[in-house]
PDB file of N, CA and C in Angstrom:
ATOM      1  N   MET A   1     -15.086  11.134  10.034  1.00  0.00           N
ATOM      2  CA  MET A   1     -15.171   9.945  10.900  1.00  0.00           C
ATOM      3  C   MET A   1     -13.788  10.048  11.396  1.00  0.00           C
ATOM      4  N   GLY A   2     -13.576   9.948  12.641  1.00  0.00           N
ATOM      5  CA  GLY A   2     -12.212   9.773  13.314  1.00  0.00           C
ATOM      6  C   GLY A   2     -11.825   8.369  13.586  1.00  0.00           C
ATOM      7  N   ILE A   3     -10.420   8.297  13.620  1.00  0.00           N
ATOM      8  CA  ILE A   3      -9.720   6.973  14.008  1.00  0.00           C
ATOM      9  C   ILE A   3      -9.616   7.021  15.479  1.00  0.00           C
ATOM     10  N   GLY A   4     -10.063   5.810  16.130  1.00  0.00           N
ATOM     11  CA  GLY A   4      -9.997   5.821  17.539  1.00  0.00           C
ATOM     12  C   GLY A   4      -9.293   4.507  17.997  1.00  0.00           C
ATOM     13  N   VAL A   5      -8.737   4.581  19.165  1.00  0.00           N
ATOM     14  CA  VAL A   5      -8.044   3.609  19.846  1.00  0.00           C
ATOM     15  C   VAL A   5      -8.728   3.288  21.092  1.00  0.00           C
ATOM     16  N   ILE A   6      -9.166   2.225  21.513  1.00  0.00           N
ATOM     17  CA  ILE A   6      -9.835   1.875  22.870  1.00  0.00           C
ATOM     18  C   ILE A   6      -8.892   1.294  23.658  1.00  0.00           C
ATOM     19  N   TRP A   7      -8.503   1.805  24.797  1.00  0.00           N
ATOM     20  CA  TRP A   7      -7.472   1.268  25.706  1.00  0.00           C
ATOM     21  C   TRP A   7      -8.338   0.371  26.747  1.00  0.00           C
ATOM     22  N   ASN A   8      -8.246  -0.806  26.894  1.00  0.00           N
ATOM     23  CA  ASN A   8      -9.200  -1.433  27.910  1.00  0.00           C
ATOM     24  C   ASN A   8      -8.253  -2.731  28.351  1.00  0.00           C
ATOM     25  N   GLN A   9      -8.095  -3.139  29.573  1.00  0.00           N
ATOM     26  CA  GLN A   9      -7.357  -4.269  29.828  1.00  0.00           C
ATOM     27  C   GLN A   9      -8.133  -5.629  29.820  1.00  0.00           C
ATOM     28  N   THR A  10      -7.625  -6.582  29.455  1.00  0.00           N
ATOM     29  CA  THR A  10      -8.180  -7.937  29.457  1.00  0.00           C
ATOM     30  C   THR A  10      -7.748  -8.681  30.858  1.00  0.00           C
ATOM     31  N   ALA A  11      -8.322  -9.602  30.914  1.00  0.00           N
ATOM     32  CA  ALA A  11      -7.935 -10.513  32.362  1.00  0.00           C
ATOM     33  C   ALA A  11      -6.280 -10.748  32.388  1.00  0.00           C
ATOM     34  N   PHE A  12      -5.860 -10.661  31.255  1.00  0.00           N
ATOM     35  CA  PHE A  12      -4.411 -10.883  31.341  1.00  0.00           C
ATOM     36  C   PHE A  12      -3.376  -9.928  31.081  1.00  0.00           C
ATOM     37  N   GLY A  13      -4.056  -8.647  31.099  1.00  0.00           N
ATOM     38  CA  GLY A  13      -3.402  -7.387  31.300  1.00  0.00           C
ATOM     39  C   GLY A  13      -3.113  -6.718  29.836  1.00  0.00           C
ATOM     40  N   ALA A  14      -3.277  -7.564  28.761  1.00  0.00           N
ATOM     41  CA  ALA A  14      -3.124  -7.159  27.472  1.00  0.00           C
ATOM     42  C   ALA A  14      -4.265  -6.117  26.963  1.00  0.00           C
ATOM     43  N   PRO A  15      -3.975  -4.979  26.412  1.00  0.00           N
ATOM     44  CA  PRO A  15      -5.108  -4.171  25.751  1.00  0.00           C
ATOM     45  C   PRO A  15      -5.857  -4.692  24.630  1.00  0.00           C
ATOM     46  N   VAL A  16      -6.951  -4.349  24.534  1.00  0.00           N
ATOM     47  CA  VAL A  16      -8.021  -4.913  23.526  1.00  0.00           C
ATOM     48  C   VAL A  16      -8.452  -3.838  22.671  1.00  0.00           C
ATOM     49  N   ILE A  17      -8.187  -3.836  21.388  1.00  0.00           N
ATOM     50  CA  ILE A  17      -8.462  -2.602  20.458  1.00  0.00           C
ATOM     51  C   ILE A  17      -9.679  -3.154  19.483  1.00  0.00           C
ATOM     52  N   PRO A  18     -10.981  -2.908  19.987  1.00  0.00           N
ATOM     53  CA  PRO A  18     -11.916  -3.127  19.032  1.00  0.00           C
ATOM     54  C   PRO A  18     -11.870  -2.883  17.497  1.00  0.00           C
ATOM     55  N   ALA A  19     -12.090  -3.730  16.626  1.00  0.00           N
ATOM     56  CA  ALA A  19     -12.115  -3.231  15.086  1.00  0.00           C
ATOM     57  C   ALA A  19     -13.454  -3.609  14.615  1.00  0.00           C
ATOM     58  N   LYS A  20     -13.977  -2.625  13.809  1.00  0.00           N
ATOM     59  CA  LYS A  20     -15.167  -2.745  12.916  1.00  0.00           C
ATOM     60  C   LYS A  20     -15.125  -3.265  11.670  1.00  0.00           C
ATOM     61  N   ALA A  21     -15.681  -4.290  11.387  1.00  0.00           N
ATOM     62  CA  ALA A  21     -15.627  -5.039  10.070  1.00  0.00           C
ATOM     63  C   ALA A  21     -17.116  -5.335   9.657  1.00  0.00           C
ATOM     64  N   ALA A  22     -17.670  -4.920   8.363  1.00  0.00           N
ATOM     65  CA  ALA A  22     -18.956  -5.453   8.090  1.00  0.00           C
ATOM     66  C   ALA A  22     -19.919  -5.259   9.271  1.00  0.00           C
ATOM     67  N   SER A  23     -20.063  -4.073   9.857  1.00  0.00           N
ATOM     68  CA  SER A  23     -20.981  -3.948  10.942  1.00  0.00           C
ATOM     69  C   SER A  23     -21.075  -5.018  12.046  1.00  0.00           C
ATOM     70  N   ARG A  24     -19.957  -5.831  12.063  1.00  0.00           N
ATOM     71  CA  ARG A  24     -19.664  -6.686  13.440  1.00  0.00           C
ATOM     72  C   ARG A  24     -18.542  -6.000  14.142  1.00  0.00           C
ATOM     73  N   LEU A  25     -18.214  -6.215  15.453  1.00  0.00           N
ATOM     74  CA  LEU A  25     -17.533  -5.645  16.400  1.00  0.00           C
ATOM     75  C   LEU A  25     -16.469  -6.989  16.626  1.00  0.00           C
ATOM     76  N   TYR A  26     -15.175  -6.860  16.322  1.00  0.00           N
ATOM     77  CA  TYR A  26     -14.314  -7.829  16.559  1.00  0.00           C
ATOM     78  C   TYR A  26     -13.243  -7.212  17.572  1.00  0.00           C
ATOM     79  N   ALA A  27     -12.800  -8.135  18.383  1.00  0.00           N
ATOM     80  CA  ALA A  27     -11.683  -7.674  19.389  1.00  0.00           C
ATOM     81  C   ALA A  27     -10.419  -8.009  18.936  1.00  0.00           C
ATOM     82  N   ILE A  28      -9.526  -7.277  18.719  1.00  0.00           N
ATOM     83  CA  ILE A  28      -8.093  -7.594  18.231  1.00  0.00           C
ATOM     84  C   ILE A  28      -7.173  -7.209  19.417  1.00  0.00           C
ATOM     85  N   GLN A  29      -6.410  -8.360  19.985  1.00  0.00           N
ATOM     86  CA  GLN A  29      -5.627  -8.187  21.044  1.00  0.00           C
ATOM     87  C   GLN A  29      -4.337  -7.814  20.581  1.00  0.00           C
ATOM     88  N   VAL A  30      -3.681  -6.620  20.982  1.00  0.00           N
ATOM     89  CA  VAL A  30      -2.399  -6.154  20.649  1.00  0.00           C
ATOM     90  C   VAL A  30      -1.556  -6.019  22.020  1.00  0.00           C
ATOM     91  N   ILE A  31      -0.413  -6.418  21.928  1.00  0.00           N
ATOM     92  CA  ILE A  31       0.528  -6.290  22.939  1.00  0.00           C
ATOM     93  C   ILE A  31       1.348  -4.921  22.932  1.00  0.00           C
ATOM     94  N   LEU A  32       1.139  -3.974  23.693  1.00  0.00           N
ATOM     95  CA  LEU A  32       1.860  -2.742  23.689  1.00  0.00           C
ATOM     96  C   LEU A  32       2.855  -2.708  25.060  1.00  0.00           C
ATOM     97  N   GLU A  33       3.822  -1.884  24.949  1.00  0.00           N
ATOM     98  CA  GLU A  33       4.711  -1.696  26.019  1.00  0.00           C
ATOM     99  C   GLU A  33       4.112  -0.997  27.095  1.00  0.00           C
ATOM    100  N   ASN A  34       4.352  -1.276  28.416  1.00  0.00           N
ATOM    101  CA  ASN A  34       3.590  -0.630  29.516  1.00  0.00           C
ATOM    102  C   ASN A  34       4.173   0.812  29.621  1.00  0.00           C
ATOM    103  N   MET A  35       3.246   1.613  29.902  1.00  0.00           N
ATOM    104  CA  MET A  35       3.449   3.212  30.127  1.00  0.00           C
ATOM    105  C   MET A  35       2.895   3.691  31.332  1.00  0.00           C
ATOM    106  N   LYS A  36       3.642   4.628  31.792  1.00  0.00           N
ATOM    107  CA  LYS A  36       2.894   5.252  33.182  1.00  0.00           C
ATOM    108  C   LYS A  36       2.679   6.630  32.866  1.00  0.00           C
ATOM    109  N   ILE A  37       1.451   7.148  33.512  1.00  0.00           N
ATOM    110  CA  ILE A  37       1.062   8.445  33.526  1.00  0.00           C
ATOM    111  C   ILE A  37       2.036   9.397  34.148  1.00  0.00           C
ATOM    112  N   GLY A  38       2.563  10.513  33.775  1.00  0.00           N
ATOM    113  CA  GLY A  38       3.542  11.209  34.355  1.00  0.00           C
ATOM    114  C   GLY A  38       2.907  12.102  35.347  1.00  0.00           C
ATOM    115  N   GLU A  39       3.554  13.018  36.199  1.00  0.00           N
ATOM    116  CA  GLU A  39       3.063  13.715  37.197  1.00  0.00           C
ATOM    117  C   GLU A  39       1.973  14.684  36.774  1.00  0.00           C
ATOM    118  N   ARG A  40       2.189  15.186  35.635  1.00  0.00           N
ATOM    119  CA  ARG A  40       1.149  16.270  35.020  1.00  0.00           C
ATOM    120  C   ARG A  40      -0.019  15.455  34.166  1.00  0.00           C
ATOM    121  N   GLY A  41      -0.137  14.215  34.407  1.00  0.00           N
ATOM    122  CA  GLY A  41      -1.075  13.392  33.583  1.00  0.00           C
ATOM    123  C   GLY A  41      -0.943  12.936  32.159  1.00  0.00           C
ATOM    124  N   GLN A  42       0.385  13.208  31.784  1.00  0.00           N
ATOM    125  CA  GLN A  42       0.610  12.977  30.484  1.00  0.00           C
ATOM    126  C   GLN A  42       1.104  11.496  30.227  1.00  0.00           C
ATOM    127  N   VAL A  43       0.858  10.864  28.855  1.00  0.00           N
ATOM    128  CA  VAL A  43       1.258   9.628  28.644  1.00  0.00           C
ATOM    129  C   VAL A  43       1.819   9.929  27.097  1.00  0.00           C
ATOM    130  N   THR A  44       2.963   9.061  26.762  1.00  0.00           N
ATOM    131  CA  THR A  44       3.315   9.240  25.410  1.00  0.00           C
ATOM    132  C   THR A  44       2.731   8.087  24.588  1.00  0.00           C
ATOM    133  N   ILE A  45       2.292   8.625  23.477  1.00  0.00           N
ATOM    134  CA  ILE A  45       1.639   7.729  22.450  1.00  0.00           C
ATOM    135  C   ILE A  45       2.833   7.129  21.755  1.00  0.00           C
ATOM    136  N   PRO A  46       3.031   5.739  21.621  1.00  0.00           N
ATOM    137  CA  PRO A  46       4.252   5.111  20.801  1.00  0.00           C
ATOM    138  C   PRO A  46       4.253   5.777  19.254  1.00  0.00           C
ATOM    139  N   LYS A  47       5.362   6.053  18.922  1.00  0.00           N
ATOM    140  CA  LYS A  47       5.641   6.562  17.545  1.00  0.00           C
ATOM    141  C   LYS A  47       4.864   5.990  16.496  1.00  0.00           C
ATOM    142  N   ASP A  48       5.022   4.554  16.503  1.00  0.00           N
ATOM    143  CA  ASP A  48       4.331   3.883  15.382  1.00  0.00           C
ATOM    144  C   ASP A  48       2.678   4.209  15.265  1.00  0.00           C
ATOM    145  N   LEU A  49       2.110   4.398  16.427  1.00  0.00           N
ATOM    146  CA  LEU A  49       0.649   4.734  16.478  1.00  0.00           C
ATOM    147  C   LEU A  49       0.706   6.123  16.142  1.00  0.00           C
ATOM    148  N   ARG A  50       1.351   7.156  16.323  1.00  0.00           N
ATOM    149  CA  ARG A  50       1.408   8.476  16.104  1.00  0.00           C
ATOM    150  C   ARG A  50       1.423   8.633  14.558  1.00  0.00           C
ATOM    151  N   GLU A  51       2.302   7.805  13.982  1.00  0.00           N
ATOM    152  CA  GLU A  51       2.437   7.863  12.422  1.00  0.00           C
ATOM    153  C   GLU A  51       1.317   7.193  11.718  1.00  0.00           C
ATOM    154  N   ARG A  52       0.812   6.172  12.375  1.00  0.00           N
ATOM    155  CA  ARG A  52      -0.236   5.406  11.611  1.00  0.00           C
ATOM    156  C   ARG A  52      -1.497   6.349  11.534  1.00  0.00           C
ATOM    157  N   PHE A  53      -1.605   7.037  12.757  1.00  0.00           N
ATOM    158  CA  PHE A  53      -2.917   7.820  12.739  1.00  0.00           C
ATOM    159  C   PHE A  53      -2.767   9.287  12.574  1.00  0.00           C
ATOM    160  N   GLY A  54      -1.528   9.593  12.033  1.00  0.00           N
ATOM    161  CA  GLY A  54      -1.307  10.961  11.584  1.00  0.00           C
ATOM    162  C   GLY A  54      -1.336  11.904  12.918  1.00  0.00           C
ATOM    163  N   LEU A  55      -0.922  11.650  14.128  1.00  0.00           N
ATOM    164  CA  LEU A  55      -0.938  12.403  15.315  1.00  0.00           C
ATOM    165  C   LEU A  55       0.438  13.124  15.375  1.00  0.00           C
ATOM    166  N   LYS A  56       0.404  14.603  15.057  1.00  0.00           N
ATOM    167  CA  LYS A  56       1.766  15.249  14.891  1.00  0.00           C
ATOM    168  C   LYS A  56       1.341  16.283  16.115  1.00  0.00           C
ATOM    169  N   PRO A  57       2.625  17.076  16.359  1.00  0.00           N
ATOM    170  CA  PRO A  57       2.391  18.076  17.368  1.00  0.00           C
ATOM    171  C   PRO A  57       1.334  18.932  17.110  1.00  0.00           C
ATOM    172  N   GLU A  58       0.693  19.366  18.063  1.00  0.00           N
ATOM    173  CA  GLU A  58      -0.424  20.498  18.091  1.00  0.00           C
ATOM    174  C   GLU A  58      -1.787  19.708  17.516  1.00  0.00           C
ATOM    175  N   THR A  59      -1.736  18.438  17.199  1.00  0.00           N
ATOM    176  CA  THR A  59      -2.790  17.694  16.653  1.00  0.00           C
ATOM    177  C   THR A  59      -3.885  17.781  17.922  1.00  0.00           C
ATOM    178  N   GLU A  60      -5.212  18.246  17.710  1.00  0.00           N
ATOM    179  CA  GLU A  60      -6.210  18.049  18.746  1.00  0.00           C
ATOM    180  C   GLU A  60      -6.848  16.780  18.832  1.00  0.00           C
ATOM    181  N   VAL A  61      -6.913  16.322  19.817  1.00  0.00           N
ATOM    182  CA  VAL A  61      -7.623  14.744  20.256  1.00  0.00           C
ATOM    183  C   VAL A  61      -8.776  15.205  21.218  1.00  0.00           C
ATOM    184  N   GLU A  62      -9.689  14.250  21.104  1.00  0.00           N
ATOM    185  CA  GLU A  62     -10.777  14.168  22.024  1.00  0.00           C
ATOM    186  C   GLU A  62     -10.674  12.815  22.852  1.00  0.00           C
ATOM    187  N   PHE A  63     -11.204  12.938  24.173  1.00  0.00           N
ATOM    188  CA  PHE A  63     -11.357  11.733  24.806  1.00  0.00           C
ATOM    189  C   PHE A  63     -12.865  11.541  25.119  1.00  0.00           C
ATOM    190  N   GLN A  64     -13.102  10.269  25.299  1.00  0.00           N
ATOM    191  CA  GLN A  64     -14.548   9.790  25.455  1.00  0.00           C
ATOM    192  C   GLN A  64     -14.493   8.613  26.335  1.00  0.00           C
ATOM    193  N   VAL A  65     -15.401   8.521  27.330  1.00  0.00           N
ATOM    194  CA  VAL A  65     -15.499   7.332  27.975  1.00  0.00           C
ATOM    195  C   VAL A  65     -16.486   6.331  27.422  1.00  0.00           C
ATOM    196  N   VAL A  66     -16.017   5.199  26.942  1.00  0.00           N
ATOM    197  CA  VAL A  66     -16.855   4.164  26.265  1.00  0.00           C
ATOM    198  C   VAL A  66     -16.835   2.695  26.955  1.00  0.00           C
ATOM    199  N   ASN A  67     -17.905   2.288  27.546  1.00  0.00           N
ATOM    200  CA  ASN A  67     -17.889   0.893  28.077  1.00  0.00           C
ATOM    201  C   ASN A  67     -16.625   0.800  29.200  1.00  0.00           C
ATOM    202  N   ASN A  68     -16.478   1.797  30.029  1.00  0.00           N
ATOM    203  CA  ASN A  68     -15.443   1.746  31.086  1.00  0.00           C
ATOM    204  C   ASN A  68     -14.167   1.724  30.381  1.00  0.00           C
ATOM    205  N   SER A  69     -13.950   2.182  29.290  1.00  0.00           N
ATOM    206  CA  SER A  69     -12.800   2.511  28.552  1.00  0.00           C
ATOM    207  C   SER A  69     -12.447   3.747  28.174  1.00  0.00           C
ATOM    208  N   ILE A  70     -11.339   4.242  27.942  1.00  0.00           N
ATOM    209  CA  ILE A  70     -11.051   5.517  27.328  1.00  0.00           C
ATOM    210  C   ILE A  70     -10.767   5.665  25.868  1.00  0.00           C
ATOM    211  N   LEU A  71     -11.521   6.320  25.035  1.00  0.00           N
ATOM    212  CA  LEU A  71     -11.397   6.450  23.717  1.00  0.00           C
ATOM    213  C   LEU A  71     -10.598   7.731  23.389  1.00  0.00           C
ATOM    214  N   LEU A  72      -9.585   7.582  22.590  1.00  0.00           N
ATOM    215  CA  LEU A  72      -8.782   8.731  22.197  1.00  0.00           C
ATOM    216  C   LEU A  72      -8.904   8.944  20.673  1.00  0.00           C
ATOM    217  N   ARG A  73      -9.436   9.771  20.108  1.00  0.00           N
ATOM    218  CA  ARG A  73      -9.509  10.101  18.711  1.00  0.00           C
ATOM    219  C   ARG A  73      -8.996  11.515  18.229  1.00  0.00           C
ATOM    220  N   LYS A  74      -8.615  11.685  16.932  1.00  0.00           N
ATOM    221  CA  LYS A  74      -8.305  13.000  16.287  1.00  0.00           C
ATOM    222  C   LYS A  74      -9.519  13.796  16.387  1.00  0.00           C
ATOM    223  N   LYS A  75      -9.540  15.038  16.750  1.00  0.00           N
ATOM    224  CA  LYS A  75     -10.709  15.752  16.637  1.00  0.00           C
ATOM    225  C   LYS A  75     -10.946  16.094  14.963  1.00  0.00           C
ATOM    226  N   PRO A  76     -12.342  15.835  14.718  1.00  0.00           N
ATOM    227  CA  PRO A  76     -12.442  16.186  13.317  1.00  0.00           C
ATOM    228  C   PRO A  76     -12.132  17.552  12.879  1.00  0.00           C
ATOM    229  N   GLY A  77     -11.588  17.627  11.659  1.00  0.00           N
ATOM    230  CA  GLY A  77     -11.149  19.077  11.127  1.00  0.00           C
ATOM    231  C   GLY A  77     -12.543  19.850  10.792  1.00  0.00           C
ATOM    232  N   LYS A  78     -12.359  21.045  10.678  1.00  0.00           N
ATOM    233  CA  LYS A  78     -13.408  21.977  10.376  1.00  0.00           C
ATOM    234  C   LYS A  78     -13.531  22.214   8.803  1.00  0.00           C
ATOM    235  N   LEU A  79     -14.569  21.998   8.241  1.00  0.00           N
ATOM    236  CA  LEU A  79     -14.843  22.239   6.818  1.00  0.00           C
ATOM    237  C   LEU A  79     -14.628  23.841   6.632  1.00  0.00           C
ATOM    238  N   ASN A  80     -13.855  24.094   5.714  1.00  0.00           N
ATOM    239  CA  ASN A  80     -13.641  25.533   5.350  1.00  0.00           C
ATOM    240  C   ASN A  80     -14.483  25.755   4.028  1.00  0.00           C
ATOM    241  N   LEU A  81     -15.691  26.261   4.245  1.00  0.00           N
ATOM    242  CA  LEU A  81     -16.785  26.489   3.075  1.00  0.00           C
ATOM    243  C   LEU A  81     -16.333  27.883   2.273  1.00  0.00           C
ATOM    244  N   THR A  82     -15.727  28.608   3.034  1.00  0.00           N
ATOM    245  CA  THR A  82     -15.516  29.839   2.182  1.00  0.00           C
ATOM    246  C   THR A  82     -14.913  29.723   0.750  1.00  0.00           C
ATOM    247  N   ARG A  83     -14.331  28.919   0.563  1.00  0.00           N
ATOM    248  CA  ARG A  83     -13.681  28.396  -0.891  1.00  0.00           C
ATOM    249  C   ARG A  83     -14.902  28.218  -1.774  1.00  0.00           C
ATOM    250  N   TRP A  84     -15.739  27.740  -1.409  1.00  0.00           N
ATOM    251  CA  TRP A  84     -16.921  27.386  -2.218  1.00  0.00           C
ATOM    252  C   TRP A  84     -18.018  28.638  -2.561  1.00  0.00           C
ATOM    253  N   LYS A  85     -17.800  29.559  -1.751  1.00  0.00           N
ATOM    254  CA  LYS A  85     -18.839  30.752  -1.927  1.00  0.00           C
ATOM    255  C   LYS A  85     -18.537  31.366  -3.322  1.00  0.00           C
ATOM    256  N   GLY A  86     -19.884  31.666  -4.086  1.00  0.00           N
ATOM    257  CA  GLY A  86     -19.911  31.939  -5.182  1.00  0.00           C
ATOM    258  C   GLY A  86     -19.552  31.108  -6.440  1.00  0.00           C
ATOM    259  N   ARG A  87     -19.284  30.171  -6.312  1.00  0.00           N
ATOM    260  CA  ARG A  87     -18.721  28.939  -7.327  1.00  0.00           C
ATOM    261  C   ARG A  87     -20.179  28.579  -8.384  1.00  0.00           C
ATOM    262  N   CYS A  88     -21.107  28.600  -7.643  1.00  0.00           N
ATOM    263  CA  CYS A  88     -22.505  28.380  -8.482  1.00  0.00           C
ATOM    264  C   CYS A  88     -23.414  29.676  -9.069  1.00  0.00           C
ATOM    265  N   GLU A  89     -22.836  30.829  -8.592  1.00  0.00           N
ATOM    266  CA  GLU A  89     -23.435  32.043  -9.130  1.00  0.00           C
ATOM    267  C   GLU A  89     -23.838  32.098 -10.491  1.00  0.00           C
ATOM    268  N   LYS A  90     -22.790  31.872 -11.261  1.00  0.00           N
ATOM    269  CA  LYS A  90     -23.112  31.863 -12.810  1.00  0.00           C
ATOM    270  C   LYS A  90     -24.150  30.930 -13.270  1.00  0.00           C
ATOM    271  N   SER A  91     -24.000  29.753 -12.506  1.00  0.00           N
ATOM    272  CA  SER A  91     -25.024  28.643 -13.198  1.00  0.00           C
ATOM    273  C   SER A  91     -26.411  29.036 -12.582  1.00  0.00           C
ATOM    274  N   PHE A  92     -26.525  29.363 -11.578  1.00  0.00           N
ATOM    275  CA  PHE A  92     -27.818  29.917 -11.051  1.00  0.00           C
ATOM    276  C   PHE A  92     -28.410  30.928 -11.727  1.00  0.00           C
ATOM    277  N   LYS A  93     -27.641  32.045 -12.184  1.00  0.00           N
ATOM    278  CA  LYS A  93     -28.198  33.006 -13.099  1.00  0.00           C
ATOM    279  C   LYS A  93     -28.566  32.762 -14.396  1.00  0.00           C
ATOM    280  N   GLU A  94     -27.812  31.491 -14.900  1.00  0.00           N
ATOM    281  CA  GLU A  94     -28.243  31.058 -16.114  1.00  0.00           C
ATOM    282  C   GLU A  94     -29.445  30.208 -16.152  1.00  0.00           C
ATOM    283  N   LEU A  95     -29.855  29.732 -14.933  1.00  0.00           N
ATOM    284  CA  LEU A  95     -31.155  28.971 -14.873  1.00  0.00           C
ATOM    285  C   LEU A  95     -32.230  30.041 -14.330  1.00  0.00           C
ATOM    286  N   GLY A  96     -31.797  31.244 -14.079  1.00  0.00           N
ATOM    287  CA  GLY A  96     -32.835  32.279 -13.718  1.00  0.00           C
ATOM    288  C   GLY A  96     -33.013  32.350 -12.194  1.00  0.00           C
ATOM    289  N   TYR A  97     -32.064  31.976 -11.476  1.00  0.00           N
ATOM    290  CA  TYR A  97     -32.263  32.008 -10.005  1.00  0.00           C
ATOM    291  C   TYR A  97     -31.269  33.258  -9.472  1.00  0.00           C
ATOM    292  N   THR A  98     -31.874  34.292  -8.658  1.00  0.00           N
ATOM    293  CA  THR A  98     -30.927  35.194  -7.924  1.00  0.00           C
ATOM    294  C   THR A  98     -30.273  34.721  -6.569  1.00  0.00           C
ATOM    295  N   ARG A  99     -31.047  33.641  -5.928  1.00  0.00           N
ATOM    296  CA  ARG A  99     -30.636  33.274  -4.726  1.00  0.00           C
ATOM    297  C   ARG A  99     -30.727  31.653  -4.663  1.00  0.00           C
ATOM    298  N   VAL A 100     -29.925  31.057  -3.979  1.00  0.00           N
ATOM    299  CA  VAL A 100     -29.742  29.606  -3.771  1.00  0.00           C
ATOM    300  C   VAL A 100     -30.958  29.205  -3.131  1.00  0.00           C
ATOM    301  N   ASP A 101     -31.455  30.003  -2.232  1.00  0.00           N
ATOM    302  CA  ASP A 101     -32.810  29.665  -1.473  1.00  0.00           C
ATOM    303  C   ASP A 101     -33.893  29.389  -2.539  1.00  0.00           C
ATOM    304  N   GLU A 102     -34.055  30.335  -3.612  1.00  0.00           N
ATOM    305  CA  GLU A 102     -35.135  29.952  -4.556  1.00  0.00           C
ATOM    306  C   GLU A 102     -34.918  28.843  -5.248  1.00  0.00           C
ATOM    307  N   PHE A 103     -33.746  28.408  -5.774  1.00  0.00           N
ATOM    308  CA  PHE A 103     -33.171  27.106  -6.286  1.00  0.00           C
ATOM    309  C   PHE A 103     -33.713  25.904  -5.410  1.00  0.00           C
ATOM    310  N   ILE A 104     -33.292  26.016  -4.366  1.00  0.00           N
ATOM    311  CA  ILE A 104     -33.658  24.826  -3.378  1.00  0.00           C
ATOM    312  C   ILE A 104     -35.074  24.860  -3.206  1.00  0.00           C
ATOM    313  N   GLU A 105     -35.856  25.744  -3.028  1.00  0.00           N
ATOM    314  CA  GLU A 105     -37.513  25.862  -2.897  1.00  0.00           C
ATOM    315  C   GLU A 105     -37.963  25.052  -4.182  1.00  0.00           C
ATOM    316  N   ASP A 106     -37.431  25.548  -5.367  1.00  0.00           N
ATOM    317  CA  ASP A 106     -38.038  25.059  -6.655  1.00  0.00           C
ATOM    318  C   ASP A 106     -37.719  23.663  -6.822  1.00  0.00           C
ATOM    319  N   VAL A 107     -36.511  23.244  -6.294  1.00  0.00           N
ATOM    320  CA  VAL A 107     -36.208  21.868  -6.282  1.00  0.00           C
ATOM    321  C   VAL A 107     -37.125  20.801  -5.510  1.00  0.00           C
ATOM    322  N   ARG A 108     -37.354  21.515  -4.386  1.00  0.00           N
ATOM    323  CA  ARG A 108     -38.304  20.721  -3.439  1.00  0.00           C
ATOM    324  C   ARG A 108     -39.672  20.850  -3.564  1.00  0.00           C
ATOM    325  N   GLY A 109     -40.042  21.609  -4.660  1.00  0.00           N
ATOM    326  CA  GLY A 109     -41.460  21.732  -5.204  1.00  0.00           C
ATOM    327  C   GLY A 109     -42.279  22.911  -4.285  1.00  0.00           C
ATOM    328  N   ARG A 110     -41.507  23.730  -3.684  1.00  0.00           N
ATOM    329  CA  ARG A 110     -42.304  24.498  -2.722  1.00  0.00           C
ATOM    330  C   ARG A 110     -42.961  25.806  -3.482  1.00  0.00           C
TER     331      ARG A 110
END
């Protein structure tokens, strides 16, 4: 699950950042400094936000349009499953299985 910040302007010009709590959506109004988009389409994320959300150089982010707002969030990391390969081999052999698929089929009752 990614951490996101939604940038949306209120009637007073202050950004609104929705926060989800106990399956209800609350709007938290936060006053941030004004920023301009540079010639190349770049904007600087304030240092306190970068530190809070772990946004470091080379961090991949995703953009999404949500309710006429732009959502920016860290791209989820990929799971490295290679380190788990072979971990259950001994246990499966002790149980009499030669393949994981056999174990799964047996557990599911097939």
